[in-house]
Amino acid sequence: MRVIGLNDDQISMSFQVKYFGMLAEIAGLSDEVWNAAGDLTVGQFRAQMLDKYPAMRDKKFKIAVNQKISEDFVLIETPAEIALLPPFAGG
């Protein structure tokens, strides 16, 4: 696990992020602690995450907050677990 982000005096929230499938391969890890300077919506988190991992820009995936698929306007409240979910193959 890797802790990323800000100086201790800049952090106002942090949460666990889990990567699955090709997204874990791109990130080079399966989970990390994400630090933020203030409240984030799912969309704002997505933008920060794509800045950090630009190779994910052309991938389709959903973001789940506390095991619920969430739209970009949803505010992330801590404690939170974020999961980046690539498309699933059914069968």
PDB file of N, CA and C in Angstrom:
ATOM      1  N   MET A   1       0.847  -1.171   0.000  1.00  0.00           N
ATOM      2  CA  MET A   1       0.000   0.000   0.000  1.00  0.00           C
ATOM      3  C   MET A   1       0.895   1.238   0.000  1.00  0.00           C
ATOM      4  N   ARG A   2       0.453   2.254  -0.731  1.00  0.00           N
ATOM      5  CA  ARG A   2       1.217   3.489  -0.847  1.00  0.00           C
ATOM      6  C   ARG A   2       0.348   4.638  -0.340  1.00  0.00           C
ATOM      7  N   VAL A   3       0.932   5.536   0.444  1.00  0.00           N
ATOM      8  CA  VAL A   3       0.228   6.733   0.891  1.00  0.00           C
ATOM      9  C   VAL A   3       0.691   7.870   0.002  1.00  0.00           C
ATOM     10  N   ILE A   4      -0.287   8.561  -0.612  1.00  0.00           N
ATOM     11  CA  ILE A   4       0.061   9.604  -1.562  1.00  0.00           C
ATOM     12  C   ILE A   4      -0.489  10.941  -1.117  1.00  0.00           C
ATOM     13  N   GLY A   5      -0.024  11.980  -1.777  1.00  0.00           N
ATOM     14  CA  GLY A   5      -0.725  13.230  -1.670  1.00  0.00           C
ATOM     15  C   GLY A   5       0.022  14.373  -1.063  1.00  0.00           C
ATOM     16  N   LEU A   6      -0.380  14.802   0.099  1.00  0.00           N
ATOM     17  CA  LEU A   6      -0.109  16.125   0.605  1.00  0.00           C
ATOM     18  C   LEU A   6       0.744  16.099   1.862  1.00  0.00           C
ATOM     19  N   ASN A   7       1.197  17.281   2.277  1.00  0.00           N
ATOM     20  CA  ASN A   7       1.852  17.409   3.572  1.00  0.00           C
ATOM     21  C   ASN A   7       0.814  17.209   4.663  1.00  0.00           C
ATOM     22  N   ASP A   8       1.260  16.827   5.858  1.00  0.00           N
ATOM     23  CA  ASP A   8       0.325  16.565   6.953  1.00  0.00           C
ATOM     24  C   ASP A   8      -0.591  17.750   7.252  1.00  0.00           C
ATOM     25  N   ASP A   9      -0.096  18.977   7.118  1.00  0.00           N
ATOM     26  CA  ASP A   9      -0.916  20.143   7.423  1.00  0.00           C
ATOM     27  C   ASP A   9      -1.926  20.468   6.329  1.00  0.00           C
ATOM     28  N   GLN A  10      -1.843  19.803   5.181  1.00  0.00           N
ATOM     29  CA  GLN A  10      -2.784  20.036   4.087  1.00  0.00           C
ATOM     30  C   GLN A  10      -3.901  18.996   4.045  1.00  0.00           C
ATOM     31  N   ILE A  11      -3.745  17.901   4.742  1.00  0.00           N
ATOM     32  CA  ILE A  11      -4.696  16.789   4.652  1.00  0.00           C
ATOM     33  C   ILE A  11      -5.899  17.055   5.542  1.00  0.00           C
ATOM     34  N   SER A  12      -7.089  17.024   4.938  1.00  0.00           N
ATOM     35  CA  SER A  12      -8.294  17.139   5.753  1.00  0.00           C
ATOM     36  C   SER A  12      -9.133  15.868   5.661  1.00  0.00           C
ATOM     37  N   MET A  13      -8.821  15.016   4.680  1.00  0.00           N
ATOM     38  CA  MET A  13      -9.517  13.730   4.598  1.00  0.00           C
ATOM     39  C   MET A  13      -8.617  12.722   3.895  1.00  0.00           C
ATOM     40  N   SER A  14      -8.802  11.472   4.249  1.00  0.00           N
ATOM     41  CA  SER A  14      -8.112  10.396   3.549  1.00  0.00           C
ATOM     42  C   SER A  14      -9.040   9.196   3.517  1.00  0.00           C
ATOM     43  N   PHE A  15      -8.881   8.380   2.491  1.00  0.00           N
ATOM     44  CA  PHE A  15      -9.726   7.198   2.366  1.00  0.00           C
ATOM     45  C   PHE A  15      -8.982   6.119   1.599  1.00  0.00           C
ATOM     46  N   GLN A  16      -9.449   4.913   1.751  1.00  0.00           N
ATOM     47  CA  GLN A  16      -8.863   3.745   1.107  1.00  0.00           C
ATOM     48  C   GLN A  16      -9.372   3.641  -0.325  1.00  0.00           C
ATOM     49  N   VAL A  17      -8.461   3.403  -1.269  1.00  0.00           N
ATOM     50  CA  VAL A  17      -8.826   3.196  -2.671  1.00  0.00           C
ATOM     51  C   VAL A  17      -8.356   1.810  -3.082  1.00  0.00           C
ATOM     52  N   LYS A  18      -9.250   1.039  -3.706  1.00  0.00           N
ATOM     53  CA  LYS A  18      -8.915  -0.299  -4.197  1.00  0.00           C
ATOM     54  C   LYS A  18      -9.047  -0.323  -5.712  1.00  0.00           C
ATOM     55  N   TYR A  19      -8.052  -0.928  -6.352  1.00  0.00           N
ATOM     56  CA  TYR A  19      -8.020  -1.041  -7.807  1.00  0.00           C
ATOM     57  C   TYR A  19      -8.199  -2.500  -8.193  1.00  0.00           C
ATOM     58  N   PHE A  20      -8.938  -2.744  -9.264  1.00  0.00           N
ATOM     59  CA  PHE A  20      -9.191  -4.102  -9.716  1.00  0.00           C
ATOM     60  C   PHE A  20      -8.853  -4.240 -11.194  1.00  0.00           C
ATOM     61  N   GLY A  21      -8.480  -5.468 -11.588  1.00  0.00           N
ATOM     62  CA  GLY A  21      -8.241  -5.799 -12.989  1.00  0.00           C
ATOM     63  C   GLY A  21      -7.177  -4.927 -13.623  1.00  0.00           C
ATOM     64  N   MET A  22      -7.466  -4.463 -14.832  1.00  0.00           N
ATOM     65  CA  MET A  22      -6.503  -3.672 -15.597  1.00  0.00           C
ATOM     66  C   MET A  22      -6.156  -2.374 -14.882  1.00  0.00           C
ATOM     67  N   LEU A  23      -7.053  -1.867 -14.042  1.00  0.00           N
ATOM     68  CA  LEU A  23      -6.785  -0.623 -13.325  1.00  0.00           C
ATOM     69  C   LEU A  23      -5.692  -0.829 -12.278  1.00  0.00           C
ATOM     70  N   ALA A  24      -5.680  -1.995 -11.633  1.00  0.00           N
ATOM     71  CA  ALA A  24      -4.612  -2.325 -10.690  1.00  0.00           C
ATOM     72  C   ALA A  24      -3.280  -2.451 -11.429  1.00  0.00           C
ATOM     73  N   GLU A  25      -3.321  -3.005 -12.631  1.00  0.00           N
ATOM     74  CA  GLU A  25      -2.097  -3.130 -13.425  1.00  0.00           C
ATOM     75  C   GLU A  25      -1.543  -1.750 -13.794  1.00  0.00           C
ATOM     76  N   ILE A  26      -2.426  -0.839 -14.177  1.00  0.00           N
ATOM     77  CA  ILE A  26      -1.993   0.515 -14.538  1.00  0.00           C
ATOM     78  C   ILE A  26      -1.423   1.241 -13.320  1.00  0.00           C
ATOM     79  N   ALA A  27      -2.112   1.126 -12.186  1.00  0.00           N
ATOM     80  CA  ALA A  27      -1.662   1.804 -10.965  1.00  0.00           C
ATOM     81  C   ALA A  27      -0.404   1.152 -10.391  1.00  0.00           C
ATOM     82  N   GLY A  28      -0.212  -0.120 -10.690  1.00  0.00           N
ATOM     83  CA  GLY A  28       0.934  -0.837 -10.143  1.00  0.00           C
ATOM     84  C   GLY A  28       0.737  -1.277  -8.714  1.00  0.00           C
ATOM     85  N   LEU A  29      -0.513  -1.256  -8.256  1.00  0.00           N
ATOM     86  CA  LEU A  29      -0.838  -1.692  -6.907  1.00  0.00           C
ATOM     87  C   LEU A  29      -2.329  -1.993  -6.817  1.00  0.00           C
ATOM     88  N   SER A  30      -2.710  -2.699  -5.775  1.00  0.00           N
ATOM     89  CA  SER A  30      -4.122  -3.056  -5.628  1.00  0.00           C
ATOM     90  C   SER A  30      -4.874  -2.123  -4.689  1.00  0.00           C
ATOM     91  N   ASP A  31      -4.149  -1.402  -3.845  1.00  0.00           N
ATOM     92  CA  ASP A  31      -4.822  -0.441  -2.968  1.00  0.00           C
ATOM     93  C   ASP A  31      -3.830   0.609  -2.487  1.00  0.00           C
ATOM     94  N   GLU A  32      -4.381   1.733  -2.063  1.00  0.00           N
ATOM     95  CA  GLU A  32      -3.580   2.817  -1.506  1.00  0.00           C
ATOM     96  C   GLU A  32      -4.478   3.725  -0.676  1.00  0.00           C
ATOM     97  N   VAL A  33      -3.848   4.537   0.155  1.00  0.00           N
ATOM     98  CA  VAL A  33      -4.563   5.561   0.910  1.00  0.00           C
ATOM     99  C   VAL A  33      -4.479   6.845   0.109  1.00  0.00           C
ATOM    100  N   TRP A  34      -5.639   7.449  -0.154  1.00  0.00           N
ATOM    101  CA  TRP A  34      -5.708   8.688  -0.937  1.00  0.00           C
ATOM    102  C   TRP A  34      -5.947   9.844   0.024  1.00  0.00           C
ATOM    103  N   ASN A  35      -5.090  10.852  -0.023  1.00  0.00           N
ATOM    104  CA  ASN A  35      -5.222  12.027   0.832  1.00  0.00           C
ATOM    105  C   ASN A  35      -5.737  13.201   0.013  1.00  0.00           C
ATOM    106  N   ALA A  36      -6.621  13.968   0.612  1.00  0.00           N
ATOM    107  CA  ALA A  36      -7.204  15.120  -0.078  1.00  0.00           C
ATOM    108  C   ALA A  36      -7.183  16.333   0.848  1.00  0.00           C
ATOM    109  N   ALA A  37      -7.109  17.510   0.231  1.00  0.00           N
ATOM    110  CA  ALA A  37      -7.043  18.757   0.993  1.00  0.00           C
ATOM    111  C   ALA A  37      -8.415  19.225   1.461  1.00  0.00           C
ATOM    112  N   GLY A  38      -9.473  18.640   0.953  1.00  0.00           N
ATOM    113  CA  GLY A  38     -10.818  19.055   1.343  1.00  0.00           C
ATOM    114  C   GLY A  38     -11.822  18.038   0.864  1.00  0.00           C
ATOM    115  N   ASP A  39     -13.088  18.375   1.030  1.00  0.00           N
ATOM    116  CA  ASP A  39     -14.145  17.475   0.583  1.00  0.00           C
ATOM    117  C   ASP A  39     -14.040  17.249  -0.916  1.00  0.00           C
ATOM    118  N   LEU A  40     -14.361  16.029  -1.337  1.00  0.00           N
ATOM    119  CA  LEU A  40     -14.320  15.670  -2.751  1.00  0.00           C
ATOM    120  C   LEU A  40     -15.616  15.011  -3.171  1.00  0.00           C
ATOM    121  N   THR A  41     -16.037  15.315  -4.377  1.00  0.00           N
ATOM    122  CA  THR A  41     -17.093  14.525  -4.992  1.00  0.00           C
ATOM    123  C   THR A  41     -16.410  13.367  -5.727  1.00  0.00           C
ATOM    124  N   VAL A  42     -17.198  12.404  -6.150  1.00  0.00           N
ATOM    125  CA  VAL A  42     -16.658  11.304  -6.934  1.00  0.00           C
ATOM    126  C   VAL A  42     -16.010  11.843  -8.211  1.00  0.00           C
ATOM    127  N   GLY A  43     -16.624  12.819  -8.843  1.00  0.00           N
ATOM    128  CA  GLY A  43     -16.068  13.402 -10.057  1.00  0.00           C
ATOM    129  C   GLY A  43     -14.735  14.094  -9.817  1.00  0.00           C
ATOM    130  N   GLN A  44     -14.616  14.810  -8.705  1.00  0.00           N
ATOM    131  CA  GLN A  44     -13.351  15.465  -8.382  1.00  0.00           C
ATOM    132  C   GLN A  44     -12.267  14.426  -8.090  1.00  0.00           C
ATOM    133  N   PHE A  45     -12.642  13.360  -7.379  1.00  0.00           N
ATOM    134  CA  PHE A  45     -11.694  12.277  -7.137  1.00  0.00           C
ATOM    135  C   PHE A  45     -11.256  11.658  -8.463  1.00  0.00           C
ATOM    136  N   ARG A  46     -12.214  11.401  -9.351  1.00  0.00           N
ATOM    137  CA  ARG A  46     -11.904  10.816 -10.661  1.00  0.00           C
ATOM    138  C   ARG A  46     -10.878  11.696 -11.397  1.00  0.00           C
ATOM    139  N   ALA A  47     -11.072  13.003 -11.390  1.00  0.00           N
ATOM    140  CA  ALA A  47     -10.150  13.914 -12.066  1.00  0.00           C
ATOM    141  C   ALA A  47      -8.754  13.849 -11.457  1.00  0.00           C
ATOM    142  N   GLN A  48      -8.660  13.822 -10.131  1.00  0.00           N
ATOM    143  CA  GLN A  48      -7.361  13.718  -9.462  1.00  0.00           C
ATOM    144  C   GLN A  48      -6.683  12.392  -9.799  1.00  0.00           C
ATOM    145  N   MET A  49      -7.483  11.331  -9.790  1.00  0.00           N
ATOM    146  CA  MET A  49      -6.948  10.001 -10.051  1.00  0.00           C
ATOM    147  C   MET A  49      -6.443   9.902 -11.495  1.00  0.00           C
ATOM    148  N   LEU A  50      -7.170  10.492 -12.447  1.00  0.00           N
ATOM    149  CA  LEU A  50      -6.736  10.473 -13.844  1.00  0.00           C
ATOM    150  C   LEU A  50      -5.495  11.339 -14.063  1.00  0.00           C
ATOM    151  N   ASP A  51      -5.329  12.387 -13.265  1.00  0.00           N
ATOM    152  CA  ASP A  51      -4.096  13.170 -13.326  1.00  0.00           C
ATOM    153  C   ASP A  51      -2.912  12.334 -12.859  1.00  0.00           C
ATOM    154  N   LYS A  52      -3.132  11.533 -11.827  1.00  0.00           N
ATOM    155  CA  LYS A  52      -2.060  10.694 -11.289  1.00  0.00           C
ATOM    156  C   LYS A  52      -1.772   9.499 -12.192  1.00  0.00           C
ATOM    157  N   TYR A  53      -2.809   8.907 -12.763  1.00  0.00           N
ATOM    158  CA  TYR A  53      -2.673   7.723 -13.615  1.00  0.00           C
ATOM    159  C   TYR A  53      -3.272   8.008 -14.997  1.00  0.00           C
ATOM    160  N   PRO A  54      -2.595   8.798 -15.828  1.00  0.00           N
ATOM    161  CA  PRO A  54      -3.168   9.193 -17.120  1.00  0.00           C
ATOM    162  C   PRO A  54      -3.479   8.016 -18.042  1.00  0.00           C
ATOM    163  N   ALA A  55      -2.842   6.883 -17.854  1.00  0.00           N
ATOM    164  CA  ALA A  55      -3.121   5.715 -18.701  1.00  0.00           C
ATOM    165  C   ALA A  55      -4.543   5.192 -18.489  1.00  0.00           C
ATOM    166  N   MET A  56      -5.205   5.607 -17.409  1.00  0.00           N
ATOM    167  CA  MET A  56      -6.589   5.182 -17.155  1.00  0.00           C
ATOM    168  C   MET A  56      -7.599   6.008 -17.945  1.00  0.00           C
ATOM    169  N   ARG A  57      -7.164   7.114 -18.558  1.00  0.00           N
ATOM    170  CA  ARG A  57      -8.092   8.014 -19.261  1.00  0.00           C
ATOM    171  C   ARG A  57      -8.886   7.314 -20.359  1.00  0.00           C
ATOM    172  N   ASP A  58      -8.281   6.358 -21.031  1.00  0.00           N
ATOM    173  CA  ASP A  58      -8.989   5.693 -22.131  1.00  0.00           C
ATOM    174  C   ASP A  58      -9.652   4.392 -21.703  1.00  0.00           C
ATOM    175  N   LYS A  59      -9.730   4.151 -20.398  1.00  0.00           N
ATOM    176  CA  LYS A  59     -10.372   2.937 -19.872  1.00  0.00           C
ATOM    177  C   LYS A  59     -11.762   3.276 -19.334  1.00  0.00           C
ATOM    178  N   LYS A  60     -12.674   2.339 -19.513  1.00  0.00           N
ATOM    179  CA  LYS A  60     -14.011   2.494 -18.934  1.00  0.00           C
ATOM    180  C   LYS A  60     -14.028   1.812 -17.577  1.00  0.00           C
ATOM    181  N   PHE A  61     -14.585   2.504 -16.588  1.00  0.00           N
ATOM    182  CA  PHE A  61     -14.697   1.919 -15.258  1.00  0.00           C
ATOM    183  C   PHE A  61     -15.726   2.692 -14.441  1.00  0.00           C
ATOM    184  N   LYS A  62     -16.218   2.038 -13.423  1.00  0.00           N
ATOM    185  CA  LYS A  62     -17.148   2.645 -12.467  1.00  0.00           C
ATOM    186  C   LYS A  62     -16.399   2.892 -11.168  1.00  0.00           C
ATOM    187  N   ILE A  63     -16.906   3.824 -10.388  1.00  0.00           N
ATOM    188  CA  ILE A  63     -16.355   4.089  -9.066  1.00  0.00           C
ATOM    189  C   ILE A  63     -17.438   3.779  -8.044  1.00  0.00           C
ATOM    190  N   ALA A  64     -17.084   2.921  -7.088  1.00  0.00           N
ATOM    191  CA  ALA A  64     -17.998   2.576  -5.995  1.00  0.00           C
ATOM    192  C   ALA A  64     -17.490   3.234  -4.717  1.00  0.00           C
ATOM    193  N   VAL A  65     -18.412   3.792  -3.963  1.00  0.00           N
ATOM    194  CA  VAL A  65     -18.114   4.360  -2.652  1.00  0.00           C
ATOM    195  C   VAL A  65     -18.842   3.511  -1.627  1.00  0.00           C
ATOM    196  N   ASN A  66     -18.077   2.915  -0.731  1.00  0.00           N
ATOM    197  CA  ASN A  66     -18.642   2.029   0.297  1.00  0.00           C
ATOM    198  C   ASN A  66     -19.553   0.973  -0.321  1.00  0.00           C
ATOM    199  N   GLN A  67     -19.053   0.331  -1.371  1.00  0.00           N
ATOM    200  CA  GLN A  67     -19.685  -0.790  -2.058  1.00  0.00           C
ATOM    201  C   GLN A  67     -20.960  -0.422  -2.813  1.00  0.00           C
ATOM    202  N   LYS A  68     -21.094   0.865  -3.184  1.00  0.00           N
ATOM    203  CA  LYS A  68     -22.245   1.313  -3.969  1.00  0.00           C
ATOM    204  C   LYS A  68     -21.736   2.129  -5.156  1.00  0.00           C
ATOM    205  N   ILE A  69     -22.106   1.696  -6.377  1.00  0.00           N
ATOM    206  CA  ILE A  69     -21.716   2.442  -7.574  1.00  0.00           C
ATOM    207  C   ILE A  69     -22.249   3.864  -7.437  1.00  0.00           C
ATOM    208  N   SER A  70     -21.368   4.846  -7.660  1.00  0.00           N
ATOM    209  CA  SER A  70     -21.731   6.237  -7.388  1.00  0.00           C
ATOM    210  C   SER A  70     -21.530   7.120  -8.612  1.00  0.00           C
ATOM    211  N   GLU A  71     -22.395   8.104  -8.739  1.00  0.00           N
ATOM    212  CA  GLU A  71     -22.317   9.100  -9.808  1.00  0.00           C
ATOM    213  C   GLU A  71     -21.298  10.174  -9.415  1.00  0.00           C
ATOM    214  N   ASP A  72     -20.851  10.937 -10.400  1.00  0.00           N
ATOM    215  CA  ASP A  72     -19.808  11.931 -10.169  1.00  0.00           C
ATOM    216  C   ASP A  72     -20.203  13.033  -9.186  1.00  0.00           C
ATOM    217  N   PHE A  73     -21.477  13.323  -9.019  1.00  0.00           N
ATOM    218  CA  PHE A  73     -21.900  14.404  -8.126  1.00  0.00           C
ATOM    219  C   PHE A  73     -21.932  14.005  -6.650  1.00  0.00           C
ATOM    220  N   VAL A  74     -21.776  12.718  -6.344  1.00  0.00           N
ATOM    221  CA  VAL A  74     -21.869  12.225  -4.963  1.00  0.00           C
ATOM    222  C   VAL A  74     -20.658  12.694  -4.160  1.00  0.00           C
ATOM    223  N   LEU A  75     -20.911  13.240  -2.971  1.00  0.00           N
ATOM    224  CA  LEU A  75     -19.852  13.675  -2.067  1.00  0.00           C
ATOM    225  C   LEU A  75     -19.284  12.458  -1.341  1.00  0.00           C
ATOM    226  N   ILE A  76     -17.972  12.332  -1.306  1.00  0.00           N
ATOM    227  CA  ILE A  76     -17.315  11.239  -0.579  1.00  0.00           C
ATOM    228  C   ILE A  76     -17.208  11.649   0.877  1.00  0.00           C
ATOM    229  N   GLU A  77     -17.809  10.876   1.742  1.00  0.00           N
ATOM    230  CA  GLU A  77     -17.752  11.148   3.177  1.00  0.00           C
ATOM    231  C   GLU A  77     -16.872  10.102   3.836  1.00  0.00           C
ATOM    232  N   THR A  78     -16.025  10.543   4.765  1.00  0.00           N
ATOM    233  CA  THR A  78     -15.147   9.592   5.444  1.00  0.00           C
ATOM    234  C   THR A  78     -15.827   9.081   6.707  1.00  0.00           C
ATOM    235  N   PRO A  79     -15.542   7.870   7.112  1.00  0.00           N
ATOM    236  CA  PRO A  79     -14.607   6.951   6.463  1.00  0.00           C
ATOM    237  C   PRO A  79     -15.226   6.390   5.186  1.00  0.00           C
ATOM    238  N   ALA A  80     -14.392   6.209   4.186  1.00  0.00           N
ATOM    239  CA  ALA A  80     -14.884   5.704   2.906  1.00  0.00           C
ATOM    240  C   ALA A  80     -13.903   4.698   2.337  1.00  0.00           C
ATOM    241  N   GLU A  81     -14.464   3.765   1.600  1.00  0.00           N
ATOM    242  CA  GLU A  81     -13.668   2.848   0.797  1.00  0.00           C
ATOM    243  C   GLU A  81     -14.104   3.060  -0.643  1.00  0.00           C
ATOM    244  N   ILE A  82     -13.159   3.396  -1.490  1.00  0.00           N
ATOM    245  CA  ILE A  82     -13.425   3.645  -2.901  1.00  0.00           C
ATOM    246  C   ILE A  82     -12.904   2.449  -3.687  1.00  0.00           C
ATOM    247  N   ALA A  83     -13.675   1.978  -4.639  1.00  0.00           N
ATOM    248  CA  ALA A  83     -13.239   0.889  -5.514  1.00  0.00           C
ATOM    249  C   ALA A  83     -13.380   1.324  -6.955  1.00  0.00           C
ATOM    250  N   LEU A  84     -12.338   1.119  -7.738  1.00  0.00           N
ATOM    251  CA  LEU A  84     -12.377   1.374  -9.178  1.00  0.00           C
ATOM    252  C   LEU A  84     -12.619   0.050  -9.859  1.00  0.00           C
ATOM    253  N   LEU A  85     -13.755  -0.036 -10.544  1.00  0.00           N
ATOM    254  CA  LEU A  85     -14.229  -1.305 -11.078  1.00  0.00           C
ATOM    255  C   LEU A  85     -14.264  -1.288 -12.605  1.00  0.00           C
ATOM    256  N   PRO A  86     -13.423  -2.103 -13.239  1.00  0.00           N
ATOM    257  CA  PRO A  86     -13.484  -2.208 -14.698  1.00  0.00           C
ATOM    258  C   PRO A  86     -14.734  -2.964 -15.109  1.00  0.00           C
ATOM    259  N   PRO A  87     -15.074  -2.947 -16.394  1.00  0.00           N
ATOM    260  CA  PRO A  87     -16.243  -3.719 -16.833  1.00  0.00           C
ATOM    261  C   PRO A  87     -16.080  -5.197 -16.494  1.00  0.00           C
ATOM    262  N   PHE A  88     -17.181  -5.833 -16.142  1.00  0.00           N
ATOM    263  CA  PHE A  88     -17.166  -7.245 -15.797  1.00  0.00           C
ATOM    264  C   PHE A  88     -17.634  -8.067 -16.974  1.00  0.00           C
ATOM    265  N   ALA A  89     -16.986  -9.178 -17.206  1.00  0.00           N
ATOM    266  CA  ALA A  89     -17.443 -10.128 -18.222  1.00  0.00           C
ATOM    267  C   ALA A  89     -18.431 -11.068 -17.545  1.00  0.00           C
ATOM    268  N   GLY A  90     -19.564 -11.272 -18.159  1.00  0.00           N
ATOM    269  CA  GLY A  90     -20.602 -12.113 -17.551  1.00  0.00           C
ATOM    270  C   GLY A  90     -20.538 -13.536 -18.058  1.00  0.00           C
ATOM    271  N   GLY A  91     -21.231 -14.384 -17.332  1.00  0.00           N
ATOM    272  CA  GLY A  91     -21.239 -15.762 -17.787  1.00  0.00           C
ATOM    273  C   GLY A  91     -22.010 -16.647 -16.881  1.00  0.00           C
TER     274      GLY A  91
END
